[in-house]
All heavy atoms as atom14 arrays in JSON, in Angstrom:
{
  "sequence": "QPGGSLILSCVTSETALIKNFMAWYRQAPGKEREYVASISTIG",
  "atom14_mask": [
    [1, 1, 1, 1, 1, 1, 1, 1, 1, 0, 0, 0, 0, 0],
    [1, 1, 1, 1, 1, 1, 1, 0, 0, 0, 0, 0, 0, 0],
    [1, 1, 1, 1, 0, 0, 0, 0, 0, 0, 0, 0, 0, 0],
    [1, 1, 1, 1, 0, 0, 0, 0, 0, 0, 0, 0, 0, 0],
    [1, 1, 1, 1, 1, 1, 0, 0, 0, 0, 0, 0, 0, 0],
    [1, 1, 1, 1, 1, 1, 1, 1, 0, 0, 0, 0, 0, 0],
    [1, 1, 1, 1, 1, 1, 1, 1, 0, 0, 0, 0, 0, 0],
    [1, 1, 1, 1, 1, 1, 1, 1, 0, 0, 0, 0, 0, 0],
    [1, 1, 1, 1, 1, 1, 0, 0, 0, 0, 0, 0, 0, 0],
    [1, 1, 1, 1, 1, 1, 0, 0, 0, 0, 0, 0, 0, 0],
    [1, 1, 1, 1, 1, 1, 1, 0, 0, 0, 0, 0, 0, 0],
    [1, 1, 1, 1, 1, 1, 1, 0, 0, 0, 0, 0, 0, 0],
    [1, 1, 1, 1, 1, 1, 0, 0, 0, 0, 0, 0, 0, 0],
    [1, 1, 1, 1, 1, 1, 1, 1, 1, 0, 0, 0, 0, 0],
    [1, 1, 1, 1, 1, 1, 1, 0, 0, 0, 0, 0, 0, 0],
    [1, 1, 1, 1, 1, 0, 0, 0, 0, 0, 0, 0, 0, 0],
    [1, 1, 1, 1, 1, 1, 1, 1, 0, 0, 0, 0, 0, 0],
    [1, 1, 1, 1, 1, 1, 1, 1, 0, 0, 0, 0, 0, 0],
    [1, 1, 1, 1, 1, 1, 1, 1, 1, 0, 0, 0, 0, 0],
    [1, 1, 1, 1, 1, 1, 1, 1, 0, 0, 0, 0, 0, 0],
    [1, 1, 1, 1, 1, 1, 1, 1, 1, 1, 1, 0, 0, 0],
    [1, 1, 1, 1, 1, 1, 1, 1, 0, 0, 0, 0, 0, 0],
    [1, 1, 1, 1, 1, 0, 0, 0, 0, 0, 0, 0, 0, 0],
    [1, 1, 1, 1, 1, 1, 1, 1, 1, 1, 1, 1, 1, 1],
    [1, 1, 1, 1, 1, 1, 1, 1, 1, 1, 1, 1, 0, 0],
    [1, 1, 1, 1, 1, 1, 1, 1, 1, 1, 1, 0, 0, 0],
    [1, 1, 1, 1, 1, 1, 1, 1, 1, 0, 0, 0, 0, 0],
    [1, 1, 1, 1, 1, 0, 0, 0, 0, 0, 0, 0, 0, 0],
    [1, 1, 1, 1, 1, 1, 1, 0, 0, 0, 0, 0, 0, 0],
    [1, 1, 1, 1, 0, 0, 0, 0, 0, 0, 0, 0, 0, 0],
    [1, 1, 1, 1, 1, 1, 1, 1, 1, 0, 0, 0, 0, 0],
    [1, 1, 1, 1, 1, 1, 1, 1, 1, 0, 0, 0, 0, 0],
    [1, 1, 1, 1, 1, 1, 1, 1, 1, 1, 1, 0, 0, 0],
    [1, 1, 1, 1, 1, 1, 1, 1, 1, 0, 0, 0, 0, 0],
    [1, 1, 1, 1, 1, 1, 1, 1, 1, 1, 1, 1, 0, 0],
    [1, 1, 1, 1, 1, 1, 1, 0, 0, 0, 0, 0, 0, 0],
    [1, 1, 1, 1, 1, 0, 0, 0, 0, 0, 0, 0, 0, 0],
    [1, 1, 1, 1, 1, 1, 0, 0, 0, 0, 0, 0, 0, 0],
    [1, 1, 1, 1, 1, 1, 1, 1, 0, 0, 0, 0, 0, 0],
    [1, 1, 1, 1, 1, 1, 0, 0, 0, 0, 0, 0, 0, 0],
    [1, 1, 1, 1, 1, 1, 1, 0, 0, 0, 0, 0, 0, 0],
    [1, 1, 1, 1, 1, 1, 1, 1, 0, 0, 0, 0, 0, 0],
    [1, 1, 1, 1, 0, 0, 0, 0, 0, 0, 0, 0, 0, 0]
  ],
  "atom14_positions": [
    [[9.33, 61.99, -51.94], [7.9, 61.55, -52.22], [7.33, 61.43, -50.8], [7.95, 61.06, -49.85], [8.03, 60.3, -53.01], [8.44, 60.41, -54.45], [8.45, 59.17, -55.14], [8.23, 58.03, -54.71], [8.29, 59.35, -56.54], [0.0, 0.0, 0.0], [0.0, 0.0, 0.0], [0.0, 0.0, 0.0], [0.0, 0.0, 0.0], [0.0, 0.0, 0.0]],
    [[6.01, 61.33, -50.82], [5.31, 60.98, -49.58], [5.66, 59.74, -49.09], [5.8, 58.72, -49.81], [3.74, 61.03, -50.08], [3.77, 61.96, -51.14], [5.1, 61.69, -51.87], [0.0, 0.0, 0.0], [0.0, 0.0, 0.0], [0.0, 0.0, 0.0], [0.0, 0.0, 0.0], [0.0, 0.0, 0.0], [0.0, 0.0, 0.0], [0.0, 0.0, 0.0]],
    [[5.87, 59.56, -47.78], [6.33, 58.31, -47.17], [7.77, 58.26, -47.02], [8.33, 57.3, -46.41], [0.0, 0.0, 0.0], [0.0, 0.0, 0.0], [0.0, 0.0, 0.0], [0.0, 0.0, 0.0], [0.0, 0.0, 0.0], [0.0, 0.0, 0.0], [0.0, 0.0, 0.0], [0.0, 0.0, 0.0], [0.0, 0.0, 0.0], [0.0, 0.0, 0.0]],
    [[8.54, 59.22, -47.68], [10.01, 59.21, -47.63], [10.47, 59.67, -46.29], [9.94, 60.18, -45.5], [0.0, 0.0, 0.0], [0.0, 0.0, 0.0], [0.0, 0.0, 0.0], [0.0, 0.0, 0.0], [0.0, 0.0, 0.0], [0.0, 0.0, 0.0], [0.0, 0.0, 0.0], [0.0, 0.0, 0.0], [0.0, 0.0, 0.0], [0.0, 0.0, 0.0]],
    [[11.88, 59.82, -46.38], [12.59, 60.39, -45.13], [13.65, 61.32, -45.65], [14.13, 61.34, -46.69], [13.22, 59.2, -44.42], [12.48, 58.23, -44.07], [0.0, 0.0, 0.0], [0.0, 0.0, 0.0], [0.0, 0.0, 0.0], [0.0, 0.0, 0.0], [0.0, 0.0, 0.0], [0.0, 0.0, 0.0], [0.0, 0.0, 0.0], [0.0, 0.0, 0.0]],
    [[14.0, 62.21, -44.8], [15.12, 63.09, -44.85], [15.69, 63.31, -43.43], [15.0, 63.32, -42.47], [14.65, 64.53, -45.31], [14.34, 64.63, -46.82], [13.67, 65.95, -47.04], [15.56, 64.45, -47.73], [0.0, 0.0, 0.0], [0.0, 0.0, 0.0], [0.0, 0.0, 0.0], [0.0, 0.0, 0.0], [0.0, 0.0, 0.0], [0.0, 0.0, 0.0]],
    [[17.05, 63.77, -43.49], [17.74, 64.13, -42.18], [18.11, 65.58, -42.4], [19.07, 65.81, -43.3], [18.84, 63.19, -41.88], [18.43, 61.77, -41.72], [19.52, 63.67, -40.58], [19.56, 60.82, -41.42], [0.0, 0.0, 0.0], [0.0, 0.0, 0.0], [0.0, 0.0, 0.0], [0.0, 0.0, 0.0], [0.0, 0.0, 0.0], [0.0, 0.0, 0.0]],
    [[17.68, 66.49, -41.68], [18.26, 67.87, -41.59], [19.24, 67.94, -40.53], [19.29, 67.24, -39.55], [17.05, 68.82, -41.28], [15.83, 68.67, -42.09], [14.81, 69.8, -41.71], [16.11, 68.86, -43.63], [0.0, 0.0, 0.0], [0.0, 0.0, 0.0], [0.0, 0.0, 0.0], [0.0, 0.0, 0.0], [0.0, 0.0, 0.0], [0.0, 0.0, 0.0]],
    [[20.25, 68.8, -40.92], [21.36, 69.19, -40.04], [21.38, 70.75, -39.67], [21.05, 71.44, -40.56], [22.57, 68.74, -40.53], [22.68, 67.36, -40.76], [0.0, 0.0, 0.0], [0.0, 0.0, 0.0], [0.0, 0.0, 0.0], [0.0, 0.0, 0.0], [0.0, 0.0, 0.0], [0.0, 0.0, 0.0], [0.0, 0.0, 0.0], [0.0, 0.0, 0.0]],
    [[21.83, 70.98, -38.56], [22.03, 72.51, -38.18], [23.38, 72.47, -37.47], [23.63, 71.97, -36.53], [20.94, 72.91, -37.26], [21.17, 74.64, -36.55], [0.0, 0.0, 0.0], [0.0, 0.0, 0.0], [0.0, 0.0, 0.0], [0.0, 0.0, 0.0], [0.0, 0.0, 0.0], [0.0, 0.0, 0.0], [0.0, 0.0, 0.0], [0.0, 0.0, 0.0]],
    [[24.27, 73.26, -38.13], [25.53, 73.33, -37.65], [25.89, 74.85, -37.11], [25.38, 75.81, -37.61], [26.76, 73.2, -38.78], [28.02, 73.38, -38.33], [26.51, 71.79, -39.43], [0.0, 0.0, 0.0], [0.0, 0.0, 0.0], [0.0, 0.0, 0.0], [0.0, 0.0, 0.0], [0.0, 0.0, 0.0], [0.0, 0.0, 0.0], [0.0, 0.0, 0.0]],
    [[26.59, 74.8, -35.89], [26.78, 76.11, -35.3], [28.13, 76.47, -35.45], [29.07, 75.69, -35.55], [26.41, 76.12, -33.82], [27.44, 75.23, -33.21], [25.09, 75.51, -33.45], [0.0, 0.0, 0.0], [0.0, 0.0, 0.0], [0.0, 0.0, 0.0], [0.0, 0.0, 0.0], [0.0, 0.0, 0.0], [0.0, 0.0, 0.0], [0.0, 0.0, 0.0]],
    [[28.47, 77.76, -35.52], [29.8, 78.31, -35.63], [30.5, 78.19, -34.24], [31.74, 78.28, -34.26], [29.91, 79.71, -36.15], [29.0, 80.62, -35.24], [0.0, 0.0, 0.0], [0.0, 0.0, 0.0], [0.0, 0.0, 0.0], [0.0, 0.0, 0.0], [0.0, 0.0, 0.0], [0.0, 0.0, 0.0], [0.0, 0.0, 0.0], [0.0, 0.0, 0.0]],
    [[29.74, 78.06, -33.22], [30.35, 77.84, -31.85], [29.77, 76.43, -31.31], [28.56, 76.48, -30.89], [29.97, 78.93, -31.02], [30.51, 80.31, -31.44], [30.15, 81.45, -30.44], [29.71, 81.14, -29.35], [30.36, 82.58, -30.87], [0.0, 0.0, 0.0], [0.0, 0.0, 0.0], [0.0, 0.0, 0.0], [0.0, 0.0, 0.0], [0.0, 0.0, 0.0]],
    [[30.6, 75.54, -31.27], [30.05, 74.12, -31.12], [29.29, 74.06, -29.74], [28.32, 73.21, -29.7], [31.42, 73.25, -30.91], [32.11, 73.28, -32.24], [31.04, 71.79, -30.83], [0.0, 0.0, 0.0], [0.0, 0.0, 0.0], [0.0, 0.0, 0.0], [0.0, 0.0, 0.0], [0.0, 0.0, 0.0], [0.0, 0.0, 0.0], [0.0, 0.0, 0.0]],
    [[29.73, 74.66, -28.75], [29.04, 74.48, -27.52], [27.6, 74.98, -27.38], [26.86, 74.42, -26.57], [29.82, 75.19, -26.38], [0.0, 0.0, 0.0], [0.0, 0.0, 0.0], [0.0, 0.0, 0.0], [0.0, 0.0, 0.0], [0.0, 0.0, 0.0], [0.0, 0.0, 0.0], [0.0, 0.0, 0.0], [0.0, 0.0, 0.0], [0.0, 0.0, 0.0]],
    [[27.22, 75.81, -28.42], [25.85, 76.38, -28.35], [24.86, 75.05, -28.64], [23.79, 75.22, -28.08], [25.76, 77.31, -29.54], [26.41, 78.67, -29.45], [26.17, 79.54, -30.6], [25.96, 79.35, -28.04], [0.0, 0.0, 0.0], [0.0, 0.0, 0.0], [0.0, 0.0, 0.0], [0.0, 0.0, 0.0], [0.0, 0.0, 0.0], [0.0, 0.0, 0.0]],
    [[25.24, 74.16, -29.25], [24.37, 73.02, -29.59], [23.81, 72.37, -28.28], [22.83, 71.69, -28.17], [24.91, 72.09, -30.56], [24.88, 72.55, -31.91], [24.37, 70.62, -30.54], [23.61, 72.72, -32.51], [0.0, 0.0, 0.0], [0.0, 0.0, 0.0], [0.0, 0.0, 0.0], [0.0, 0.0, 0.0], [0.0, 0.0, 0.0], [0.0, 0.0, 0.0]],
    [[24.68, 72.46, -27.18], [24.36, 71.82, -26.0], [23.21, 72.59, -25.19], [22.78, 72.01, -24.12], [25.58, 71.57, -25.08], [26.72, 70.78, -25.79], [27.95, 70.6, -25.01], [28.96, 69.74, -25.65], [30.17, 69.65, -24.88], [0.0, 0.0, 0.0], [0.0, 0.0, 0.0], [0.0, 0.0, 0.0], [0.0, 0.0, 0.0], [0.0, 0.0, 0.0]],
    [[22.87, 73.69, -25.58], [21.82, 74.48, -24.96], [20.51, 73.83, -25.45], [20.39, 72.92, -26.17], [21.89, 75.95, -25.39], [23.09, 76.63, -24.77], [23.0, 76.87, -23.53], [24.0, 76.97, -25.5], [0.0, 0.0, 0.0], [0.0, 0.0, 0.0], [0.0, 0.0, 0.0], [0.0, 0.0, 0.0], [0.0, 0.0, 0.0], [0.0, 0.0, 0.0]],
    [[19.35, 74.49, -24.9], [18.2, 73.98, -25.37], [17.98, 74.65, -26.85], [18.33, 75.72, -27.2], [17.02, 74.76, -24.55], [15.57, 74.53, -24.97], [14.82, 73.6, -24.45], [14.97, 75.25, -26.05], [13.51, 73.39, -24.79], [13.68, 75.09, -26.42], [12.97, 73.99, -25.79], [0.0, 0.0, 0.0], [0.0, 0.0, 0.0], [0.0, 0.0, 0.0]],
    [[17.67, 73.58, -27.81], [17.58, 73.91, -29.19], [16.22, 73.43, -29.64], [15.66, 72.67, -29.28], [18.66, 73.17, -29.9], [20.14, 73.63, -29.55], [20.48, 75.33, -30.14], [20.29, 75.18, -31.98], [0.0, 0.0, 0.0], [0.0, 0.0, 0.0], [0.0, 0.0, 0.0], [0.0, 0.0, 0.0], [0.0, 0.0, 0.0], [0.0, 0.0, 0.0]],
    [[15.78, 74.13, -30.73], [14.56, 73.74, -31.4], [14.48, 73.8, -32.86], [15.39, 74.46, -33.59], [13.47, 74.68, -30.97], [0.0, 0.0, 0.0], [0.0, 0.0, 0.0], [0.0, 0.0, 0.0], [0.0, 0.0, 0.0], [0.0, 0.0, 0.0], [0.0, 0.0, 0.0], [0.0, 0.0, 0.0], [0.0, 0.0, 0.0], [0.0, 0.0, 0.0]],
    [[13.7, 73.1, -33.59], [13.37, 73.16, -34.95], [11.97, 73.76, -35.2], [11.09, 73.41, -34.42], [13.37, 71.83, -35.68], [14.64, 71.25, -35.73], [15.3, 70.29, -34.96], [15.63, 71.44, -36.93], [16.52, 70.0, -35.61], [16.76, 70.68, -36.68], [15.55, 72.29, -38.13], [17.76, 70.68, -37.57], [16.6, 72.33, -38.99], [17.79, 71.43, -38.71]],
    [[11.86, 74.71, -36.13], [10.59, 75.34, -36.5], [10.48, 75.14, -38.03], [11.43, 74.8, -38.73], [10.5, 76.82, -36.16], [10.34, 77.12, -34.72], [11.27, 76.95, -33.75], [9.11, 77.68, -34.34], [11.03, 77.21, -32.4], [8.75, 77.91, -32.99], [9.84, 77.63, -32.01], [9.63, 77.93, -30.72], [0.0, 0.0, 0.0], [0.0, 0.0, 0.0]],
    [[9.28, 75.34, -38.54], [9.14, 75.35, -39.94], [8.02, 76.35, -40.29], [7.16, 76.84, -39.59], [8.62, 73.91, -40.35], [7.19, 73.5, -39.92], [7.01, 72.04, -40.25], [5.58, 71.68, -39.88], [5.2, 70.43, -40.06], [5.99, 69.5, -40.55], [4.0, 69.95, -39.59], [0.0, 0.0, 0.0], [0.0, 0.0, 0.0], [0.0, 0.0, 0.0]],
    [[8.07, 76.8, -41.59], [7.23, 77.75, -42.12], [6.77, 77.42, -43.56], [7.66, 77.44, -44.43], [7.74, 79.24, -42.01], [6.82, 80.25, -42.43], [7.37, 81.7, -42.0], [8.54, 81.88, -41.88], [6.55, 82.61, -42.04], [0.0, 0.0, 0.0], [0.0, 0.0, 0.0], [0.0, 0.0, 0.0], [0.0, 0.0, 0.0], [0.0, 0.0, 0.0]],
    [[5.53, 77.1, -43.71], [4.92, 76.85, -45.08], [4.56, 78.15, -45.66], [4.27, 79.12, -45.02], [3.77, 75.94, -44.87], [0.0, 0.0, 0.0], [0.0, 0.0, 0.0], [0.0, 0.0, 0.0], [0.0, 0.0, 0.0], [0.0, 0.0, 0.0], [0.0, 0.0, 0.0], [0.0, 0.0, 0.0], [0.0, 0.0, 0.0], [0.0, 0.0, 0.0]],
    [[4.6, 78.19, -46.98], [4.13, 79.4, -47.66], [2.77, 79.9, -47.23], [1.87, 79.18, -47.12], [4.0, 78.95, -49.17], [5.0, 77.73, -49.3], [4.84, 77.16, -47.87], [0.0, 0.0, 0.0], [0.0, 0.0, 0.0], [0.0, 0.0, 0.0], [0.0, 0.0, 0.0], [0.0, 0.0, 0.0], [0.0, 0.0, 0.0], [0.0, 0.0, 0.0]],
    [[2.83, 81.17, -46.93], [1.46, 81.75, -46.47], [1.08, 81.58, -45.07], [-0.05, 81.84, -44.64], [0.0, 0.0, 0.0], [0.0, 0.0, 0.0], [0.0, 0.0, 0.0], [0.0, 0.0, 0.0], [0.0, 0.0, 0.0], [0.0, 0.0, 0.0], [0.0, 0.0, 0.0], [0.0, 0.0, 0.0], [0.0, 0.0, 0.0], [0.0, 0.0, 0.0]],
    [[1.92, 80.8, -44.32], [1.53, 80.35, -43.05], [2.63, 80.91, -41.95], [3.7, 81.33, -42.37], [1.42, 78.88, -42.8], [0.36, 78.3, -43.67], [0.16, 76.82, -43.42], [-1.15, 76.21, -44.14], [-1.18, 74.71, -43.72], [0.0, 0.0, 0.0], [0.0, 0.0, 0.0], [0.0, 0.0, 0.0], [0.0, 0.0, 0.0], [0.0, 0.0, 0.0]],
    [[2.18, 81.1, -40.65], [3.18, 81.38, -39.69], [4.14, 80.35, -39.41], [3.97, 79.06, -39.55], [2.41, 81.8, -38.39], [1.53, 83.07, -38.72], [0.79, 83.54, -37.22], [1.03, 82.85, -36.31], [0.18, 84.59, -37.39], [0.0, 0.0, 0.0], [0.0, 0.0, 0.0], [0.0, 0.0, 0.0], [0.0, 0.0, 0.0], [0.0, 0.0, 0.0]],
    [[5.26, 80.79, -38.92], [6.22, 79.88, -38.47], [5.77, 79.06, -37.28], [5.2, 79.51, -36.32], [7.55, 80.54, -38.15], [8.77, 79.67, -37.9], [9.97, 80.51, -37.8], [10.33, 81.15, -39.03], [11.47, 81.91, -39.31], [12.38, 81.96, -38.41], [11.7, 82.4, -40.52], [0.0, 0.0, 0.0], [0.0, 0.0, 0.0], [0.0, 0.0, 0.0]],
    [[5.9, 77.71, -37.38], [5.41, 76.82, -36.21], [6.49, 75.87, -35.65], [7.4, 75.62, -36.31], [4.23, 76.02, -36.81], [4.71, 74.99, -37.79], [3.42, 74.07, -38.2], [2.37, 74.29, -37.77], [3.64, 73.14, -38.87], [0.0, 0.0, 0.0], [0.0, 0.0, 0.0], [0.0, 0.0, 0.0], [0.0, 0.0, 0.0], [0.0, 0.0, 0.0]],
    [[6.36, 75.62, -34.37], [7.19, 74.78, -33.64], [7.15, 73.38, -34.2], [5.96, 72.89, -34.47], [6.82, 74.82, -32.13], [7.44, 73.87, -31.27], [8.68, 74.06, -30.68], [6.72, 72.67, -30.95], [9.19, 73.07, -29.89], [7.34, 71.73, -30.12], [8.63, 71.91, -29.64], [9.11, 71.02, -28.82], [0.0, 0.0, 0.0], [0.0, 0.0, 0.0]],
    [[8.33, 72.72, -34.22], [8.31, 71.36, -34.67], [8.76, 70.35, -33.58], [8.18, 69.47, -33.23], [9.23, 71.16, -35.92], [9.32, 69.74, -36.33], [8.68, 71.99, -37.16], [0.0, 0.0, 0.0], [0.0, 0.0, 0.0], [0.0, 0.0, 0.0], [0.0, 0.0, 0.0], [0.0, 0.0, 0.0], [0.0, 0.0, 0.0], [0.0, 0.0, 0.0]],
    [[9.97, 70.77, -33.02], [10.56, 69.91, -32.07], [11.6, 70.58, -31.17], [12.15, 71.6, -31.72], [11.06, 68.57, -32.52], [0.0, 0.0, 0.0], [0.0, 0.0, 0.0], [0.0, 0.0, 0.0], [0.0, 0.0, 0.0], [0.0, 0.0, 0.0], [0.0, 0.0, 0.0], [0.0, 0.0, 0.0], [0.0, 0.0, 0.0], [0.0, 0.0, 0.0]],
    [[11.99, 70.09, -30.08], [12.98, 70.71, -29.25], [13.78, 69.6, -28.52], [13.18, 68.49, -28.2], [12.37, 71.74, -28.37], [11.48, 71.27, -27.43], [0.0, 0.0, 0.0], [0.0, 0.0, 0.0], [0.0, 0.0, 0.0], [0.0, 0.0, 0.0], [0.0, 0.0, 0.0], [0.0, 0.0, 0.0], [0.0, 0.0, 0.0], [0.0, 0.0, 0.0]],
    [[14.9, 70.03, -28.02], [15.74, 69.16, -27.2], [16.36, 70.03, -26.08], [16.86, 71.06, -26.32], [16.81, 68.41, -28.03], [17.54, 67.39, -27.15], [17.74, 69.37, -28.81], [18.37, 66.48, -27.87], [0.0, 0.0, 0.0], [0.0, 0.0, 0.0], [0.0, 0.0, 0.0], [0.0, 0.0, 0.0], [0.0, 0.0, 0.0], [0.0, 0.0, 0.0]],
    [[16.22, 69.49, -24.84], [16.73, 70.38, -23.64], [18.12, 70.14, -23.45], [18.8, 69.35, -24.0], [15.87, 69.98, -22.39], [16.41, 68.73, -21.99], [0.0, 0.0, 0.0], [0.0, 0.0, 0.0], [0.0, 0.0, 0.0], [0.0, 0.0, 0.0], [0.0, 0.0, 0.0], [0.0, 0.0, 0.0], [0.0, 0.0, 0.0], [0.0, 0.0, 0.0]],
    [[18.8, 70.83, -22.49], [20.21, 70.73, -22.19], [20.49, 69.22, -21.64], [21.57, 68.81, -21.87], [20.6, 71.81, -21.03], [19.8, 71.56, -19.93], [20.38, 73.11, -21.53], [0.0, 0.0, 0.0], [0.0, 0.0, 0.0], [0.0, 0.0, 0.0], [0.0, 0.0, 0.0], [0.0, 0.0, 0.0], [0.0, 0.0, 0.0], [0.0, 0.0, 0.0]],
    [[19.54, 68.51, -21.09], [19.66, 67.22, -20.57], [19.28, 66.19, -21.57], [19.22, 65.01, -21.33], [19.09, 67.03, -19.18], [17.63, 67.2, -19.3], [19.79, 67.91, -18.2], [17.0, 66.72, -18.03], [0.0, 0.0, 0.0], [0.0, 0.0, 0.0], [0.0, 0.0, 0.0], [0.0, 0.0, 0.0], [0.0, 0.0, 0.0], [0.0, 0.0, 0.0]],
    [[18.85, 66.61, -22.8], [18.53, 65.61, -23.77], [16.97, 65.23, -23.8], [16.62, 64.42, -24.6], [0.0, 0.0, 0.0], [0.0, 0.0, 0.0], [0.0, 0.0, 0.0], [0.0, 0.0, 0.0], [0.0, 0.0, 0.0], [0.0, 0.0, 0.0], [0.0, 0.0, 0.0], [0.0, 0.0, 0.0], [0.0, 0.0, 0.0], [0.0, 0.0, 0.0]]
  ]
}
């Protein structure tokens, strides 16, 4: 519901990959994929 919360997870098959620069994107119906957030190698 609006105002609620969720936690998304992304698991890698190679654990070390997560320590790279990583990002979340999203795509709504009929729209282009857009940037949401990112985290660098140093956090």
